[in-house]
Structure formats: C-alpha cells, structure tokens
C-alpha atoms as a PDB file:
ATOM      1  CA  MET A   1       0.000   0.000   0.000  1.00  0.00           C
ATOM      2  CA  ILE A   2       1.433   3.396  -0.955  1.00  0.00           C
ATOM      3  CA  PRO A   3       2.118   5.882   1.877  1.00  0.00           C
ATOM      4  CA  GLN A   4      -0.660   8.280   0.856  1.00  0.00           C
ATOM      5  CA  TYR A   5      -3.273   5.523   1.206  1.00  0.00           C
ATOM      6  CA  LYS A   6      -1.822   4.462   4.575  1.00  0.00           C
ATOM      7  CA  ALA A   7      -2.084   8.056   5.783  1.00  0.00           C
ATOM      8  CA  LEU A   8      -5.659   8.322   4.472  1.00  0.00           C
ATOM      9  CA  LEU A   9      -6.630   5.057   6.170  1.00  0.00           C
ATOM     10  CA  ALA A  10      -5.089   6.216   9.486  1.00  0.00           C
ATOM     11  CA  PHE A  11      -6.934   9.542   9.181  1.00  0.00           C
ATOM     12  CA  LEU A  12     -10.263   7.797   8.519  1.00  0.00           C
ATOM     13  CA  ILE A  13      -9.809   5.436  11.490  1.00  0.00           C
ATOM     14  CA  ILE A  14      -8.904   8.284  13.848  1.00  0.00           C
ATOM     15  CA  THR A  15     -11.810  10.392  12.572  1.00  0.00           C
ATOM     16  CA  ALA A  16     -14.253   7.508  13.036  1.00  0.00           C
ATOM     17  CA  ALA A  17     -12.983   6.918  16.601  1.00  0.00           C
ATOM     18  CA  ALA A  18     -13.260  10.625  17.463  1.00  0.00           C
ATOM     19  CA  THR A  19     -16.755  10.831  15.974  1.00  0.00           C
ATOM     20  CA  ALA A  20     -17.878   7.739  17.899  1.00  0.00           C
ATOM     21  CA  THR A  21     -16.458   9.216  21.113  1.00  0.00           C
ATOM     22  CA  PHE A  22     -18.264  12.515  20.612  1.00  0.00           C
ATOM     23  CA  LEU A  23     -21.535  10.720  19.832  1.00  0.00           C
ATOM     24  CA  TRP A  24     -21.163   8.548  22.946  1.00  0.00           C
ATOM     25  CA  VAL A  25     -20.443  11.600  25.123  1.00  0.00           C
ATOM     26  CA  THR A  26     -23.389  13.500  23.627  1.00  0.00           C
ATOM     27  CA  ARG A  27     -25.736  10.582  24.204  1.00  0.00           C
ATOM     28  CA  ASN A  28     -24.584   9.974  27.769  1.00  0.00           C
ATOM     29  CA  THR A  29     -24.577  13.598  28.931  1.00  0.00           C
ATOM     30  CA  ALA A  30     -28.010  14.552  27.633  1.00  0.00           C
ATOM     31  CA  ASN A  31     -29.537  13.966  31.069  1.00  0.00           C
ATOM     32  CA  LYS A  32     -27.737  16.304  33.499  1.00  0.00           C
ATOM     33  CA  GLU A  33     -29.291  14.646  36.545  1.00  0.00           C
ATOM     34  CA  ARG A  34     -27.358  11.426  35.899  1.00  0.00           C
ATOM     35  CA  LEU A  35     -24.047  13.284  35.432  1.00  0.00           C
ATOM     36  CA  ASN A  36     -21.466  12.414  38.095  1.00  0.00           C
ATOM     37  CA  LEU A  37     -19.009  15.351  38.114  1.00  0.00           C
ATOM     38  CA  GLU A  38     -16.321  13.421  39.987  1.00  0.00           C
ATOM     39  CA  ALA A  39     -16.421  10.601  37.436  1.00  0.00           C
ATOM     40  CA  VAL A  40     -16.339  13.125  34.583  1.00  0.00           C
ATOM     41  CA  SER A  41     -13.296  14.815  36.114  1.00  0.00           C
ATOM     42  CA  LYS A  42     -11.445  11.483  36.419  1.00  0.00           C
ATOM     43  CA  LEU A  43     -12.389  10.535  32.852  1.00  0.00           C
ATOM     44  CA  ARG A  44     -11.192  13.913  31.562  1.00  0.00           C
ATOM     45  CA  SER A  45      -7.831  13.449  33.327  1.00  0.00           C
ATOM     46  CA  ARG A  46      -7.427   9.923  31.926  1.00  0.00           C
ATOM     47  CA  PHE A  47      -8.322  11.168  28.462  1.00  0.00           C
ATOM     48  CA  ALA A  48      -5.748  13.995  28.617  1.00  0.00           C
ATOM     49  CA  ILE A  49      -3.018  11.648  29.869  1.00  0.00           C
ATOM     50  CA  THR A  50      -3.861   9.069  27.178  1.00  0.00           C
ATOM     51  CA  CYS A  51      -3.741  11.727  24.429  1.00  0.00           C
ATOM     52  CA  ALA A  52      -0.403  13.038  25.724  1.00  0.00           C
ATOM     53  CA  LEU A  53       1.074   9.521  25.826  1.00  0.00           C
ATOM     54  CA  LEU A  54      -0.183   8.761  22.304  1.00  0.00           C
ATOM     55  CA  LEU A  55       1.338  12.002  21.014  1.00  0.00           C
ATOM     56  CA  ILE A  56       4.686  11.271  22.692  1.00  0.00           C
ATOM     57  CA  ALA A  57       4.670   7.722  21.290  1.00  0.00           C
ATOM     58  CA  ALA A  58       3.844   8.994  17.783  1.00  0.00           C
ATOM     59  CA  LEU A  59       6.668  11.531  17.943  1.00  0.00           C
ATOM     60  CA  ALA A  60       9.133   8.966  19.283  1.00  0.00           C
ATOM     61  CA  LEU A  61       8.243   6.539  16.486  1.00  0.00           C
ATOM     62  CA  THR A  62       8.243   9.024  13.596  1.00  0.00           C
ATOM     63  CA  LEU A  63      10.867  11.696  14.303  1.00  0.00           C
ATOM     64  CA  PRO A  64      13.894   9.386  13.839  1.00  0.00           C
ATOM     65  CA  HIS A  65      12.650   8.544  10.340  1.00  0.00           C
ATOM     66  CA  LEU A  66      12.461  12.083   8.972  1.00  0.00           C
ATOM     67  CA  PRO A  67      14.439  12.442   5.743  1.00  0.00           C
ATOM     68  CA  TYR A  68      16.329  15.503   6.947  1.00  0.00           C
ATOM     69  CA  PRO A  69      20.009  15.510   7.885  1.00  0.00           C
ATOM     70  CA  ARG A  70      21.171  15.760  11.453  1.00  0.00           C
ATOM     71  CA  GLY A  71      23.267  18.634  12.733  1.00  0.00           C
ATOM     72  CA  SER A  72      25.742  20.289  10.467  1.00  0.00           C
ATOM     73  CA  GLU A  73      26.290  17.359   8.112  1.00  0.00           C
ATOM     74  CA  ILE A  74      28.014  18.561   4.942  1.00  0.00           C
ATOM     75  CA  PRO A  75      26.258  17.474   1.734  1.00  0.00           C
ATOM     76  CA  ASP A  76      28.086  15.130  -0.620  1.00  0.00           C
ATOM     77  CA  LYS A  77      26.729  17.025  -3.627  1.00  0.00           C
ATOM     78  CA  VAL A  78      25.151  20.428  -4.240  1.00  0.00           C
ATOM     79  CA  VAL A  79      22.686  20.897  -7.098  1.00  0.00           C
ATOM     80  CA  PHE A  80      21.705  24.432  -8.073  1.00  0.00           C
ATOM     81  CA  VAL A  81      18.114  24.852  -9.237  1.00  0.00           C
ATOM     82  CA  ALA A  82      16.634  27.892 -10.961  1.00  0.00           C
ATOM     83  CA  ALA A  83      12.952  27.897 -11.822  1.00  0.00           C
ATOM     84  CA  LYS A  84      11.633  29.998 -14.658  1.00  0.00           C
ATOM     85  CA  GLN A  85       8.383  29.832 -16.584  1.00  0.00           C
ATOM     86  CA  PHE A  86       8.063  26.988 -17.612  1.00  0.00           C
ATOM     87  CA  ALA A  87      11.008  24.701 -16.723  1.00  0.00           C
ATOM     88  CA  PHE A  88      13.576  23.974 -14.045  1.00  0.00           C
ATOM     89  CA  GLY A  89      17.255  24.425 -14.687  1.00  0.00           C
ATOM     90  CA  LEU A  90      19.360  21.986 -12.646  1.00  0.00           C
ATOM     91  CA  SER A  91      23.117  22.360 -12.656  1.00  0.00           C
ATOM     92  CA  GLU A  92      26.254  21.607 -10.680  1.00  0.00           C
ATOM     93  CA  ALA A  93      27.201  25.291 -11.002  1.00  0.00           C
ATOM     94  CA  PRO A  94      25.230  28.342  -9.806  1.00  0.00           C
ATOM     95  CA  ILE A  95      22.594  29.668 -12.209  1.00  0.00           C
ATOM     96  CA  ALA A  96      22.413  33.461 -12.223  1.00  0.00           C
ATOM     97  CA  SER A  97      21.536  34.465 -15.774  1.00  0.00           C
ATOM     98  CA  ASP A  98      19.054  33.543 -18.479  1.00  0.00           C
ATOM     99  CA  ALA A  99      21.858  32.018 -20.567  1.00  0.00           C
ATOM    100  CA  GLN A 100      22.960  29.795 -17.669  1.00  0.00           C
ATOM    101  CA  TRP A 101      19.343  28.812 -17.025  1.00  0.00           C
ATOM    102  CA  GLU A 102      18.859  27.962 -20.716  1.00  0.00           C
ATOM    103  CA  ALA A 103      21.945  25.739 -20.695  1.00  0.00           C
ATOM    104  CA  ALA A 104      20.889  24.040 -17.441  1.00  0.00           C
ATOM    105  CA  SER A 105      17.293  23.428 -18.531  1.00  0.00           C
ATOM    106  CA  GLN A 106      18.244  22.083 -21.971  1.00  0.00           C
ATOM    107  CA  GLY A 107      21.416  20.186 -21.017  1.00  0.00           C
ATOM    108  CA  PRO A 108      21.863  16.628 -19.817  1.00  0.00           C
ATOM    109  CA  ALA A 109      20.301  15.569 -16.524  1.00  0.00           C
ATOM    110  CA  VAL A 110      22.356  16.181 -13.391  1.00  0.00           C
ATOM    111  CA  ARG A 111      23.656  12.893 -11.947  1.00  0.00           C
ATOM    112  CA  ILE A 112      23.503  12.259  -8.207  1.00  0.00           C
ATOM    113  CA  PRO A 113      25.066   9.249  -6.435  1.00  0.00           C
ATOM    114  CA  ALA A 114      22.607   7.039  -4.532  1.00  0.00           C
ATOM    115  CA  ASN A 115      22.648   7.030  -0.714  1.00  0.00           C
ATOM    116  CA  ARG A 116      24.545  10.314  -0.566  1.00  0.00           C
ATOM    117  CA  LEU A 117      23.329  13.554   0.962  1.00  0.00           C
ATOM    118  CA  VAL A 118      22.406  16.026  -1.782  1.00  0.00           C
ATOM    119  CA  GLU A 119      21.497  19.655  -1.189  1.00  0.00           C
ATOM    120  CA  PHE A 120      19.283  21.392  -3.719  1.00  0.00           C
ATOM    121  CA  ARG A 121      19.720  25.182  -3.650  1.00  0.00           C
ATOM    122  CA  VAL A 122      16.468  26.386  -5.134  1.00  0.00           C
ATOM    123  CA  THR A 123      15.623  29.857  -6.444  1.00  0.00           C
ATOM    124  CA  SER A 124      13.470  31.436  -9.138  1.00  0.00           C
ATOM    125  CA  LEU A 125      14.349  33.829 -11.927  1.00  0.00           C
ATOM    126  CA  ASP A 126      10.808  35.195 -12.373  1.00  0.00           C
ATOM    127  CA  VAL A 127       7.819  34.305 -10.125  1.00  0.00           C
ATOM    128  CA  ASN A 128       7.161  31.913  -7.238  1.00  0.00           C
ATOM    129  CA  HIS A 129       7.216  28.235  -8.126  1.00  0.00           C
ATOM    130  CA  GLY A 130       6.971  25.025  -6.147  1.00  0.00           C
ATOM    131  CA  PHE A 131       9.900  22.595  -6.402  1.00  0.00           C
ATOM    132  CA  GLY A 132       8.524  19.074  -5.925  1.00  0.00           C
ATOM    133  CA  VAL A 133      10.856  16.062  -6.127  1.00  0.00           C
ATOM    134  CA  TYR A 134       9.096  12.853  -7.168  1.00  0.00           C
ATOM    135  CA  SER A 135      10.350   9.276  -7.090  1.00  0.00           C
ATOM    136  CA  PRO A 136      10.654   7.368 -10.383  1.00  0.00           C
ATOM    137  CA  GLY A 137       7.322   5.756  -9.394  1.00  0.00           C
ATOM    138  CA  GLY A 138       5.562   9.118  -9.077  1.00  0.00           C
ATOM    139  CA  VAL A 139       5.480   9.538  -5.279  1.00  0.00           C
ATOM    140  CA  LEU A 140       6.160  13.044  -3.929  1.00  0.00           C
ATOM    141  CA  LEU A 141       9.305  12.809  -1.778  1.00  0.00           C
ATOM    142  CA  ALA A 142       9.973  16.416  -0.782  1.00  0.00           C
ATOM    143  CA  GLN A 143       9.211  19.974  -1.795  1.00  0.00           C
ATOM    144  CA  THR A 144      10.228  23.559  -1.196  1.00  0.00           C
ATOM    145  CA  GLN A 145       9.444  26.966  -2.649  1.00  0.00           C
ATOM    146  CA  ALA A 146      11.383  28.568  -5.486  1.00  0.00           C
ATOM    147  CA  MET A 147      11.236  32.317  -4.883  1.00  0.00           C
ATOM    148  CA  PRO A 148      12.895  35.211  -6.730  1.00  0.00           C
ATOM    149  CA  GLY A 149      15.810  36.712  -4.823  1.00  0.00           C
ATOM    150  CA  TYR A 150      15.922  33.945  -2.213  1.00  0.00           C
ATOM    151  CA  VAL A 151      17.592  30.516  -2.012  1.00  0.00           C
ATOM    152  CA  ASN A 152      15.850  27.652  -0.226  1.00  0.00           C
ATOM    153  CA  ARG A 153      17.927  24.610   0.652  1.00  0.00           C
ATOM    154  CA  LEU A 154      16.404  21.154   0.432  1.00  0.00           C
ATOM    155  CA  ARG A 155      18.496  18.199   1.582  1.00  0.00           C
ATOM    156  CA  LEU A 156      17.681  14.627   0.597  1.00  0.00           C
ATOM    157  CA  ARG A 157      19.271  11.211   0.663  1.00  0.00           C
ATOM    158  CA  LEU A 158      17.931   9.230  -2.309  1.00  0.00           C
ATOM    159  CA  GLN A 159      18.460   5.460  -2.179  1.00  0.00           C
ATOM    160  CA  ASN A 160      16.938   4.165  -5.401  1.00  0.00           C
ATOM    161  CA  PRO A 161      18.658   4.670  -8.752  1.00  0.00           C
ATOM    162  CA  GLY A 162      16.535   6.083 -11.555  1.00  0.00           C
ATOM    163  CA  ARG A 163      15.268   9.266 -13.169  1.00  0.00           C
ATOM    164  CA  TYR A 164      13.552  11.577 -10.682  1.00  0.00           C
ATOM    165  CA  PRO A 165      11.100  14.107 -12.112  1.00  0.00           C
ATOM    166  CA  VAL A 166      10.734  17.586 -10.647  1.00  0.00           C
ATOM    167  CA  LEU A 167       7.341  19.267 -10.984  1.00  0.00           C
ATOM    168  CA  CYS A 168       6.092  22.737 -10.136  1.00  0.00           C
ATOM    169  CA  LEU A 169       3.672  22.685  -7.201  1.00  0.00           C
ATOM    170  CA  GLU A 170       2.477  26.280  -7.382  1.00  0.00           C
ATOM    171  CA  LEU A 171       0.292  27.705 -10.120  1.00  0.00           C
ATOM    172  CA  CYS A 172       2.686  29.932 -12.024  1.00  0.00           C
ATOM    173  CA  GLY A 173       0.973  30.640 -15.328  1.00  0.00           C
ATOM    174  CA  MET A 174      -0.773  29.137 -18.338  1.00  0.00           C
ATOM    175  CA  GLU A 175       1.849  26.419 -18.932  1.00  0.00           C
ATOM    176  CA  HIS A 176       2.235  25.482 -15.242  1.00  0.00           C
ATOM    177  CA  HIS A 177       1.151  21.903 -15.996  1.00  0.00           C
ATOM    178  CA  SER A 178       4.094  21.400 -18.348  1.00  0.00           C
ATOM    179  CA  MET A 179       6.775  22.792 -15.997  1.00  0.00           C
ATOM    180  CA  ARG A 180       9.225  19.980 -15.374  1.00  0.00           C
ATOM    181  CA  GLY A 181      12.799  19.119 -14.657  1.00  0.00           C
ATOM    182  CA  ILE A 182      14.666  15.868 -14.179  1.00  0.00           C
ATOM    183  CA  PHE A 183      17.758  14.478 -12.511  1.00  0.00           C
ATOM    184  CA  GLU A 184      19.259  11.014 -12.343  1.00  0.00           C
ATOM    185  CA  VAL A 185      20.308   9.008  -9.309  1.00  0.00           C
ATOM    186  CA  PHE A 186      22.909   6.324 -10.043  1.00  0.00           C
ATOM    187  CA  ALA A 187      24.226   3.402  -8.002  1.00  0.00           C
ATOM    188  CA  THR A 188      27.789   3.986  -6.853  1.00  0.00           C
ATOM    189  CA  GLY A 189      28.735   0.348  -6.228  1.00  0.00           C
ATOM    190  CA  LYS A 190      30.411   1.269  -2.921  1.00  0.00           C
ATOM    191  CA  GLU A 191      27.483   0.275  -0.678  1.00  0.00           C
END
C-alpha cells in the first residue's frame, strides 16, 4: 500500500474513533441529573493523559525517520536549481543568468550518487514556483518553494537509482502543468 493511502486510512480510522467518542459523550450527557461530576473529572484526566502519551509515542516513532540531515552534516553534492516559466534548470554550477538557465534546462540531466546527501539550492528567476521532487514511481518525496531573490535549501538522501522528475507545485501561469525538470540518481557500487 502506498504511503498516501496508509495516511488516508489512518486519518479515517482516527476520525471515526473521534466521531464515535463525541456521539457517545453527547448521548450519555443529555440527562444532566445522571451526570457524576467526579467521574467526569477522572475521565477527563485519563483522556488527557492518554492523548499526551499517544502524542509522545507517535513523535518517538516518527521523528527518527524524517528524511532531513542531522546537525551540520556537509552534503556530498550540491545541485543548483533555478525555476523559470516553464522549466527547471538543474546544474552543478550556480545559475544566475538567463543564458545559464537555458543551458541548465536544456542540457543533460544532473547525476547524483545514490545514498549520498544532496542539497538542492532552489531559487526562481521570475515568479514563485513550487519545487517538488518525485520518485521514479511518481510519489512526492519532498518539496520547497522557489522564490525570486531567495535561495531555499532542500536536503535529501535518495536510495533508489533512476530518473527523478521535478514538478512545479504552485500555479505559475498558463503552462504550469508542463513545468518539469529531471535528474538522475545512479548506483555507486560502494554500498
């Protein structure tokens, strides 16, 4: 099952449980004469403690698996990205002019070694764009904004070799749907 469906299923289960709880509380508190305030107070305390413990457990289980680097780890490779209507220029050298962007957007795909930390330095030469990195299978892996006059840094460690498409995630004009870029992740053989 793909991660988006797992997340949707978890959301639906949690929503159903919360809805059932609210319905049960509504049904059982309709008659105020039967309401035992001491029991309600104890139940409220147990509920708050249970929610806090569930939140702590969820954080403890998920935070170690975030795809972001720890501390001041130096990236193994830096890829410069400049967005411009309607393509991404990806290069191993900074992109500061239209000519450099043209060469980067029309040239061969940047190659990135698998299982190495790569830092994308993302900017825009015209308007705001979204920089979305997708797996070869079409799953969104990470995203950041591409903004004129500002550089956002996105660090990833990509394990699977293949061609990774980059799509714009922010409506940027009439040809937004065709705005793409691509880079290639290759196996290094050292793993």
